[in-house]
PDB file of N, CA and C in Angstrom:
ATOM      1  N   MET A   1     -77.971   0.323 -35.575  1.00  0.00           N
ATOM      2  CA  MET A   1     -76.500  -0.843 -35.969  1.00  0.00           C
ATOM      3  C   MET A   1     -76.077   0.014 -34.721  1.00  0.00           C
ATOM      4  N   ARG A   2     -75.121  -1.237 -34.687  1.00  0.00           N
ATOM      5  CA  ARG A   2     -74.016  -1.031 -33.437  1.00  0.00           C
ATOM      6  C   ARG A   2     -72.663  -0.100 -33.817  1.00  0.00           C
ATOM      7  N   LEU A   3     -72.198  -0.204 -32.905  1.00  0.00           N
ATOM      8  CA  LEU A   3     -70.550   0.271 -32.398  1.00  0.00           C
ATOM      9  C   LEU A   3     -70.159   0.191 -31.270  1.00  0.00           C
ATOM     10  N   ARG A   4     -68.883   0.177 -31.948  1.00  0.00           N
ATOM     11  CA  ARG A   4     -67.395  -0.232 -30.974  1.00  0.00           C
ATOM     12  C   ARG A   4     -66.852   1.195 -30.400  1.00  0.00           C
ATOM     13  N   VAL A   5     -66.618   1.608 -29.388  1.00  0.00           N
ATOM     14  CA  VAL A   5     -65.583   2.739 -29.410  1.00  0.00           C
ATOM     15  C   VAL A   5     -64.103   1.890 -28.506  1.00  0.00           C
ATOM     16  N   GLU A   6     -63.638   2.800 -29.180  1.00  0.00           N
ATOM     17  CA  GLU A   6     -62.056   2.277 -28.445  1.00  0.00           C
ATOM     18  C   GLU A   6     -61.525   4.016 -28.292  1.00  0.00           C
ATOM     19  N   PHE A   7     -60.575   4.296 -26.927  1.00  0.00           N
ATOM     20  CA  PHE A   7     -60.384   5.386 -26.662  1.00  0.00           C
ATOM     21  C   PHE A   7     -59.695   5.288 -25.410  1.00  0.00           C
ATOM     22  N   THR A   8     -58.347   6.292 -25.665  1.00  0.00           N
ATOM     23  CA  THR A   8     -57.089   6.868 -24.848  1.00  0.00           C
ATOM     24  C   THR A   8     -57.386   8.157 -23.925  1.00  0.00           C
ATOM     25  N   THR A   9     -56.529   8.222 -23.235  1.00  0.00           N
ATOM     26  CA  THR A   9     -56.494   9.815 -23.062  1.00  0.00           C
ATOM     27  C   THR A   9     -55.726  10.068 -22.150  1.00  0.00           C
ATOM     28  N   GLU A  10     -55.041  11.486 -22.452  1.00  0.00           N
ATOM     29  CA  GLU A  10     -53.520  11.848 -22.485  1.00  0.00           C
ATOM     30  C   GLU A  10     -53.790  12.483 -21.066  1.00  0.00           C
ATOM     31  N   PRO A  11     -52.723  13.347 -20.821  1.00  0.00           N
ATOM     32  CA  PRO A  11     -51.456  12.550 -20.547  1.00  0.00           C
ATOM     33  C   PRO A  11     -51.546  11.217 -19.617  1.00  0.00           C
ATOM     34  N   PHE A  12     -50.487  10.308 -20.032  1.00  0.00           N
ATOM     35  CA  PHE A  12     -50.305   9.364 -18.828  1.00  0.00           C
ATOM     36  C   PHE A  12     -49.819   9.304 -18.084  1.00  0.00           C
ATOM     37  N   ASP A  13     -50.154   8.644 -16.520  1.00  0.00           N
ATOM     38  CA  ASP A  13     -49.416   9.211 -15.510  1.00  0.00           C
ATOM     39  C   ASP A  13     -49.289   7.336 -14.879  1.00  0.00           C
ATOM     40  N   LEU A  14     -48.287   7.337 -14.742  1.00  0.00           N
ATOM     41  CA  LEU A  14     -47.754   5.770 -14.925  1.00  0.00           C
ATOM     42  C   LEU A  14     -47.923   5.046 -13.407  1.00  0.00           C
ATOM     43  N   GLU A  15     -47.792   6.289 -12.651  1.00  0.00           N
ATOM     44  CA  GLU A  15     -48.251   6.008 -10.901  1.00  0.00           C
ATOM     45  C   GLU A  15     -49.515   5.622 -10.924  1.00  0.00           C
ATOM     46  N   GLU A  16     -50.809   6.911 -10.865  1.00  0.00           N
ATOM     47  CA  GLU A  16     -52.500   6.730 -10.997  1.00  0.00           C
ATOM     48  C   GLU A  16     -53.008   6.762 -12.042  1.00  0.00           C
ATOM     49  N   ALA A  17     -54.715   6.694 -11.922  1.00  0.00           N
ATOM     50  CA  ALA A  17     -55.241   7.157 -13.240  1.00  0.00           C
ATOM     51  C   ALA A  17     -54.734   8.694 -13.011  1.00  0.00           C
ATOM     52  N   PRO A  18     -55.019   9.731 -13.965  1.00  0.00           N
ATOM     53  CA  PRO A  18     -55.402  11.039 -13.626  1.00  0.00           C
ATOM     54  C   PRO A  18     -56.874  10.978 -13.738  1.00  0.00           C
ATOM     55  N   ALA A  19     -57.192  12.817 -12.929  1.00  0.00           N
ATOM     56  CA  ALA A  19     -58.345  12.625 -13.326  1.00  0.00           C
ATOM     57  C   ALA A  19     -59.215  12.636 -14.294  1.00  0.00           C
ATOM     58  N   HIS A  20     -58.479  12.483 -16.054  1.00  0.00           N
ATOM     59  CA  HIS A  20     -59.268  12.753 -16.939  1.00  0.00           C
ATOM     60  C   HIS A  20     -59.554  11.347 -17.533  1.00  0.00           C
ATOM     61  N   ALA A  21     -58.698  10.376 -17.318  1.00  0.00           N
ATOM     62  CA  ALA A  21     -58.629   9.057 -17.319  1.00  0.00           C
ATOM     63  C   ALA A  21     -59.973   8.372 -16.754  1.00  0.00           C
ATOM     64  N   VAL A  22     -60.181   8.805 -15.310  1.00  0.00           N
ATOM     65  CA  VAL A  22     -61.570   8.373 -14.381  1.00  0.00           C
ATOM     66  C   VAL A  22     -62.503   9.091 -14.706  1.00  0.00           C
ATOM     67  N   ALA A  23     -62.201  10.038 -15.639  1.00  0.00           N
ATOM     68  CA  ALA A  23     -63.908  10.707 -15.963  1.00  0.00           C
ATOM     69  C   ALA A  23     -64.173  10.075 -17.017  1.00  0.00           C
ATOM     70  N   ALA A  24     -63.248  10.160 -18.016  1.00  0.00           N
ATOM     71  CA  ALA A  24     -63.593   9.677 -19.188  1.00  0.00           C
ATOM     72  C   ALA A  24     -64.285   7.919 -18.822  1.00  0.00           C
ATOM     73  N   ARG A  25     -63.539   6.887 -18.014  1.00  0.00           N
ATOM     74  CA  ARG A  25     -64.021   5.340 -17.822  1.00  0.00           C
ATOM     75  C   ARG A  25     -65.425   5.654 -17.041  1.00  0.00           C
ATOM     76  N   GLU A  26     -65.968   6.438 -15.925  1.00  0.00           N
ATOM     77  CA  GLU A  26     -66.958   6.901 -15.168  1.00  0.00           C
ATOM     78  C   GLU A  26     -68.197   6.849 -16.422  1.00  0.00           C
ATOM     79  N   VAL A  27     -68.259   8.008 -17.823  1.00  0.00           N
ATOM     80  CA  VAL A  27     -68.885   8.310 -18.598  1.00  0.00           C
ATOM     81  C   VAL A  27     -69.188   6.672 -19.137  1.00  0.00           C
ATOM     82  N   ILE A  28     -68.234   6.290 -20.034  1.00  0.00           N
ATOM     83  CA  ILE A  28     -68.271   5.164 -20.039  1.00  0.00           C
ATOM     84  C   ILE A  28     -68.978   3.270 -19.406  1.00  0.00           C
ATOM     85  N   GLN A  29     -68.765   3.864 -18.162  1.00  0.00           N
ATOM     86  CA  GLN A  29     -69.767   2.688 -17.102  1.00  0.00           C
ATOM     87  C   GLN A  29     -70.615   3.004 -17.140  1.00  0.00           C
ATOM     88  N   LYS A  30     -71.215   4.282 -16.901  1.00  0.00           N
ATOM     89  CA  LYS A  30     -72.688   4.797 -16.947  1.00  0.00           C
ATOM     90  C   LYS A  30     -73.399   4.733 -17.603  1.00  0.00           C
ATOM     91  N   ALA A  31     -72.977   5.011 -18.835  1.00  0.00           N
ATOM     92  CA  ALA A  31     -73.887   4.823 -20.032  1.00  0.00           C
ATOM     93  C   ALA A  31     -74.117   3.614 -20.006  1.00  0.00           C
ATOM     94  N   GLN A  32     -75.436   3.548 -21.026  1.00  0.00           N
ATOM     95  CA  GLN A  32     -75.942   1.774 -21.231  1.00  0.00           C
ATOM     96  C   GLN A  32     -76.120   1.414 -22.512  1.00  0.00           C
ATOM     97  N   LEU A  33     -74.402   0.584 -22.416  1.00  0.00           N
ATOM     98  CA  LEU A  33     -73.054   0.345 -23.006  1.00  0.00           C
ATOM     99  C   LEU A  33     -72.987  -1.522 -22.546  1.00  0.00           C
ATOM    100  N   ASP A  34     -72.489  -2.174 -23.376  1.00  0.00           N
ATOM    101  CA  ASP A  34     -71.917  -3.327 -23.771  1.00  0.00           C
ATOM    102  C   ASP A  34     -71.155  -3.527 -23.569  1.00  0.00           C
ATOM    103  N   ALA A  35     -70.641  -4.620 -23.582  1.00  0.00           N
ATOM    104  CA  ALA A  35     -69.282  -4.927 -23.387  1.00  0.00           C
ATOM    105  C   ALA A  35     -68.442  -3.878 -22.742  1.00  0.00           C
ATOM    106  N   VAL A  36     -68.494  -3.327 -21.623  1.00  0.00           N
ATOM    107  CA  VAL A  36     -67.297  -2.533 -21.742  1.00  0.00           C
ATOM    108  C   VAL A  36     -66.536  -2.745 -21.009  1.00  0.00           C
ATOM    109  N   ASP A  37     -64.824  -2.423 -21.289  1.00  0.00           N
ATOM    110  CA  ASP A  37     -63.633  -3.208 -21.031  1.00  0.00           C
ATOM    111  C   ASP A  37     -63.075  -2.023 -20.807  1.00  0.00           C
ATOM    112  N   VAL A  38     -62.600  -0.976 -18.859  1.00  0.00           N
ATOM    113  CA  VAL A  38     -61.660  -0.481 -19.261  1.00  0.00           C
ATOM    114  C   VAL A  38     -60.254  -0.940 -18.417  1.00  0.00           C
ATOM    115  N   GLY A  39     -59.121  -0.304 -19.975  1.00  0.00           N
ATOM    116  CA  GLY A  39     -58.221  -0.822 -18.837  1.00  0.00           C
ATOM    117  C   GLY A  39     -56.807   0.303 -18.494  1.00  0.00           C
ATOM    118  N   PRO A  40     -55.987   0.053 -18.567  1.00  0.00           N
ATOM    119  CA  PRO A  40     -54.297   1.262 -17.619  1.00  0.00           C
ATOM    120  C   PRO A  40     -54.364   1.941 -19.409  1.00  0.00           C
ATOM    121  N   PHE A  41     -54.424   1.533 -20.984  1.00  0.00           N
ATOM    122  CA  PHE A  41     -53.505   1.552 -21.660  1.00  0.00           C
ATOM    123  C   PHE A  41     -54.676   2.013 -22.238  1.00  0.00           C
ATOM    124  N   GLY A  42     -56.257   1.595 -22.644  1.00  0.00           N
ATOM    125  CA  GLY A  42     -57.160   1.631 -23.592  1.00  0.00           C
ATOM    126  C   GLY A  42     -58.361   1.566 -23.101  1.00  0.00           C
ATOM    127  N   ASN A  43     -59.400   1.499 -23.452  1.00  0.00           N
ATOM    128  CA  ASN A  43     -60.615   1.239 -23.300  1.00  0.00           C
ATOM    129  C   ASN A  43     -61.588   0.664 -24.349  1.00  0.00           C
ATOM    130  N   THR A  44     -62.761   0.222 -23.782  1.00  0.00           N
ATOM    131  CA  THR A  44     -63.785  -0.270 -25.678  1.00  0.00           C
ATOM    132  C   THR A  44     -65.089  -0.557 -25.045  1.00  0.00           C
ATOM    133  N   ALA A  45     -66.104  -0.105 -25.548  1.00  0.00           N
ATOM    134  CA  ALA A  45     -67.374  -0.309 -25.238  1.00  0.00           C
ATOM    135  C   ALA A  45     -68.106  -0.426 -26.438  1.00  0.00           C
ATOM    136  N   GLU A  46     -69.267  -1.066 -26.704  1.00  0.00           N
ATOM    137  CA  GLU A  46     -69.873  -1.091 -27.774  1.00  0.00           C
ATOM    138  C   GLU A  46     -71.706  -0.819 -27.252  1.00  0.00           C
ATOM    139  N   GLY A  47     -72.239  -0.635 -28.273  1.00  0.00           N
ATOM    140  CA  GLY A  47     -73.286  -0.591 -28.008  1.00  0.00           C
ATOM    141  C   GLY A  47     -74.337   0.673 -29.047  1.00  0.00           C
ATOM    142  N   GLU A  48     -75.470   0.153 -29.293  1.00  0.00           N
ATOM    143  CA  GLU A  48     -76.378   0.349 -29.940  1.00  0.00           C
ATOM    144  C   GLU A  48     -75.881   1.923 -30.721  1.00  0.00           C
ATOM    145  N   ALA A  49     -75.842   2.296 -31.913  1.00  0.00           N
ATOM    146  CA  ALA A  49     -75.366   3.708 -32.616  1.00  0.00           C
ATOM    147  C   ALA A  49     -75.573   5.063 -31.219  1.00  0.00           C
ATOM    148  N   GLY A  50     -77.134   5.459 -31.367  1.00  0.00           N
ATOM    149  CA  GLY A  50     -77.459   6.967 -30.139  1.00  0.00           C
ATOM    150  C   GLY A  50     -76.584   6.390 -29.109  1.00  0.00           C
ATOM    151  N   ASP A  51     -76.298   5.901 -28.251  1.00  0.00           N
ATOM    152  CA  ASP A  51     -75.914   5.903 -27.477  1.00  0.00           C
ATOM    153  C   ASP A  51     -74.498   5.526 -27.083  1.00  0.00           C
ATOM    154  N   VAL A  52     -74.058   5.342 -28.061  1.00  0.00           N
ATOM    155  CA  VAL A  52     -72.696   5.240 -28.212  1.00  0.00           C
ATOM    156  C   VAL A  52     -72.087   6.664 -28.598  1.00  0.00           C
ATOM    157  N   LEU A  53     -72.723   7.462 -29.874  1.00  0.00           N
ATOM    158  CA  LEU A  53     -72.371   8.569 -30.047  1.00  0.00           C
ATOM    159  C   LEU A  53     -72.478   9.435 -28.648  1.00  0.00           C
ATOM    160  N   GLY A  54     -73.723   9.279 -27.964  1.00  0.00           N
ATOM    161  CA  GLY A  54     -73.829  10.413 -26.558  1.00  0.00           C
ATOM    162  C   GLY A  54     -72.840   9.988 -25.981  1.00  0.00           C
ATOM    163  N   ALA A  55     -72.323   8.972 -25.227  1.00  0.00           N
ATOM    164  CA  ALA A  55     -71.456   8.137 -23.888  1.00  0.00           C
ATOM    165  C   ALA A  55     -70.156   9.092 -24.895  1.00  0.00           C
ATOM    166  N   VAL A  56     -69.828   9.714 -26.308  1.00  0.00           N
ATOM    167  CA  VAL A  56     -68.771   9.610 -26.482  1.00  0.00           C
ATOM    168  C   VAL A  56     -68.784  10.871 -27.012  1.00  0.00           C
ATOM    169  N   THR A  57     -70.039  11.821 -26.817  1.00  0.00           N
ATOM    170  CA  THR A  57     -69.984  13.230 -26.794  1.00  0.00           C
ATOM    171  C   THR A  57     -69.725  13.721 -24.884  1.00  0.00           C
ATOM    172  N   ASP A  58     -70.210  13.043 -24.033  1.00  0.00           N
ATOM    173  CA  ASP A  58     -70.458  12.754 -22.338  1.00  0.00           C
ATOM    174  C   ASP A  58     -68.980  12.725 -22.514  1.00  0.00           C
ATOM    175  N   LEU A  59     -67.998  11.914 -23.093  1.00  0.00           N
ATOM    176  CA  LEU A  59     -66.688  11.224 -22.902  1.00  0.00           C
ATOM    177  C   LEU A  59     -65.652  12.584 -23.063  1.00  0.00           C
ATOM    178  N   LEU A  60     -66.000  12.907 -23.959  1.00  0.00           N
ATOM    179  CA  LEU A  60     -64.959  13.982 -24.716  1.00  0.00           C
ATOM    180  C   LEU A  60     -65.312  15.387 -23.757  1.00  0.00           C
ATOM    181  N   ARG A  61     -66.295  15.924 -23.270  1.00  0.00           N
ATOM    182  CA  ARG A  61     -66.299  16.998 -22.639  1.00  0.00           C
ATOM    183  C   ARG A  61     -65.816  16.518 -21.472  1.00  0.00           C
ATOM    184  N   ASP A  62     -66.448  15.514 -20.180  1.00  0.00           N
ATOM    185  CA  ASP A  62     -66.280  15.480 -19.449  1.00  0.00           C
ATOM    186  C   ASP A  62     -64.138  15.073 -18.871  1.00  0.00           C
ATOM    187  N   ALA A  63     -63.397  14.095 -19.820  1.00  0.00           N
ATOM    188  CA  ALA A  63     -62.165  14.136 -19.761  1.00  0.00           C
ATOM    189  C   ALA A  63     -61.428  15.167 -20.361  1.00  0.00           C
ATOM    190  N   LEU A  64     -61.660  15.899 -21.558  1.00  0.00           N
ATOM    191  CA  LEU A  64     -61.413  17.807 -21.548  1.00  0.00           C
ATOM    192  C   LEU A  64     -61.924  18.265 -20.752  1.00  0.00           C
ATOM    193  N   GLY A  65     -62.686  18.363 -19.846  1.00  0.00           N
ATOM    194  CA  GLY A  65     -63.080  19.527 -18.414  1.00  0.00           C
ATOM    195  C   GLY A  65     -62.188  19.057 -17.582  1.00  0.00           C
ATOM    196  N   ALA A  66     -61.574  17.731 -17.662  1.00  0.00           N
ATOM    197  CA  ALA A  66     -60.669  17.257 -16.203  1.00  0.00           C
ATOM    198  C   ALA A  66     -59.281  17.587 -16.904  1.00  0.00           C
ATOM    199  N   GLY A  67     -58.789  17.985 -17.470  1.00  0.00           N
ATOM    200  CA  GLY A  67     -57.421  18.083 -18.127  1.00  0.00           C
ATOM    201  C   GLY A  67     -57.256  17.540 -18.810  1.00  0.00           C
ATOM    202  N   ALA A  68     -57.575  16.915 -19.645  1.00  0.00           N
ATOM    203  CA  ALA A  68     -56.870  15.541 -20.817  1.00  0.00           C
ATOM    204  C   ALA A  68     -56.118  16.351 -21.957  1.00  0.00           C
ATOM    205  N   THR A  69     -55.459  16.112 -22.611  1.00  0.00           N
ATOM    206  CA  THR A  69     -54.335  16.612 -23.326  1.00  0.00           C
ATOM    207  C   THR A  69     -54.968  16.513 -24.981  1.00  0.00           C
ATOM    208  N   ARG A  70     -55.507  15.351 -24.785  1.00  0.00           N
ATOM    209  CA  ARG A  70     -55.264  14.380 -25.410  1.00  0.00           C
ATOM    210  C   ARG A  70     -56.724  13.176 -26.004  1.00  0.00           C
ATOM    211  N   VAL A  71     -57.181  12.993 -26.560  1.00  0.00           N
ATOM    212  CA  VAL A  71     -58.450  12.115 -26.687  1.00  0.00           C
ATOM    213  C   VAL A  71     -58.546  11.520 -27.935  1.00  0.00           C
ATOM    214  N   SER A  72     -58.155   9.792 -28.263  1.00  0.00           N
ATOM    215  CA  SER A  72     -57.754   9.554 -29.341  1.00  0.00           C
ATOM    216  C   SER A  72     -58.610   8.225 -29.340  1.00  0.00           C
ATOM    217  N   LEU A  73     -59.333   8.164 -30.006  1.00  0.00           N
ATOM    218  CA  LEU A  73     -60.639   7.372 -30.215  1.00  0.00           C
ATOM    219  C   LEU A  73     -60.651   6.999 -31.396  1.00  0.00           C
ATOM    220  N   GLN A  74     -61.795   6.185 -31.377  1.00  0.00           N
ATOM    221  CA  GLN A  74     -62.266   4.861 -32.739  1.00  0.00           C
ATOM    222  C   GLN A  74     -63.101   4.485 -32.828  1.00  0.00           C
ATOM    223  N   VAL A  75     -64.143   4.521 -33.606  1.00  0.00           N
ATOM    224  CA  VAL A  75     -65.640   3.997 -33.844  1.00  0.00           C
ATOM    225  C   VAL A  75     -65.643   3.358 -34.702  1.00  0.00           C
ATOM    226  N   ASN A  76     -66.180   1.760 -34.589  1.00  0.00           N
ATOM    227  CA  ASN A  76     -66.180   0.736 -35.904  1.00  0.00           C
ATOM    228  C   ASN A  76     -67.334   0.506 -35.767  1.00  0.00           C
ATOM    229  N   VAL A  77     -68.147   0.594 -36.878  1.00  0.00           N
ATOM    230  CA  VAL A  77     -69.492  -0.300 -37.318  1.00  0.00           C
ATOM    231  C   VAL A  77     -69.092  -1.938 -36.680  1.00  0.00           C
ATOM    232  N   ILE A  78     -70.271  -1.943 -36.049  1.00  0.00           N
ATOM    233  CA  ILE A  78     -69.761  -3.747 -35.471  1.00  0.00           C
ATOM    234  C   ILE A  78     -70.766  -4.871 -36.510  1.00  0.00           C
ATOM    235  N   ARG A  79     -70.741  -5.002 -37.482  1.00  0.00           N
ATOM    236  CA  ARG A  79     -71.258  -6.217 -38.717  1.00  0.00           C
ATOM    237  C   ARG A  79     -72.095  -7.289 -37.848  1.00  0.00           C
ATOM    238  N   GLU A  80     -73.393  -7.195 -38.192  1.00  0.00           N
ATOM    239  CA  GLU A  80     -74.181  -8.499 -37.415  1.00  0.00           C
ATOM    240  C   GLU A  80     -74.279  -9.608 -38.916  1.00  0.00           C
ATOM    241  N   ASP A  81     -73.573 -10.401 -38.529  1.00  0.00           N
ATOM    242  CA  ASP A  81     -73.944 -11.742 -39.391  1.00  0.00           C
ATOM    243  C   ASP A  81     -75.036 -12.280 -39.805  1.00  0.00           C
ATOM    244  N   THR A  82     -75.251 -12.152 -40.645  1.00  0.00           N
ATOM    245  CA  THR A  82     -76.705 -12.593 -41.214  1.00  0.00           C
ATOM    246  C   THR A  82     -76.719 -14.131 -41.856  1.00  0.00           C
TER     247      THR A  82
END
């Protein structure tokens, strides 16, 4: 099964990326995921279920450890066309 994760971390800082946002992005960029897209107000990545779920665990731990007060995420199953 393939999954897509979308996430943001808070609090926002419009001047520069806060440490918690950088930590979350680094986790996603280092994970074995496809279609990684990081941006100032939202981030997405796709991959096999085990890889995405493992990355989400690391993302939560690292972002909260770096000062995030909120992590919003959504995980969707990617339907395969048959």
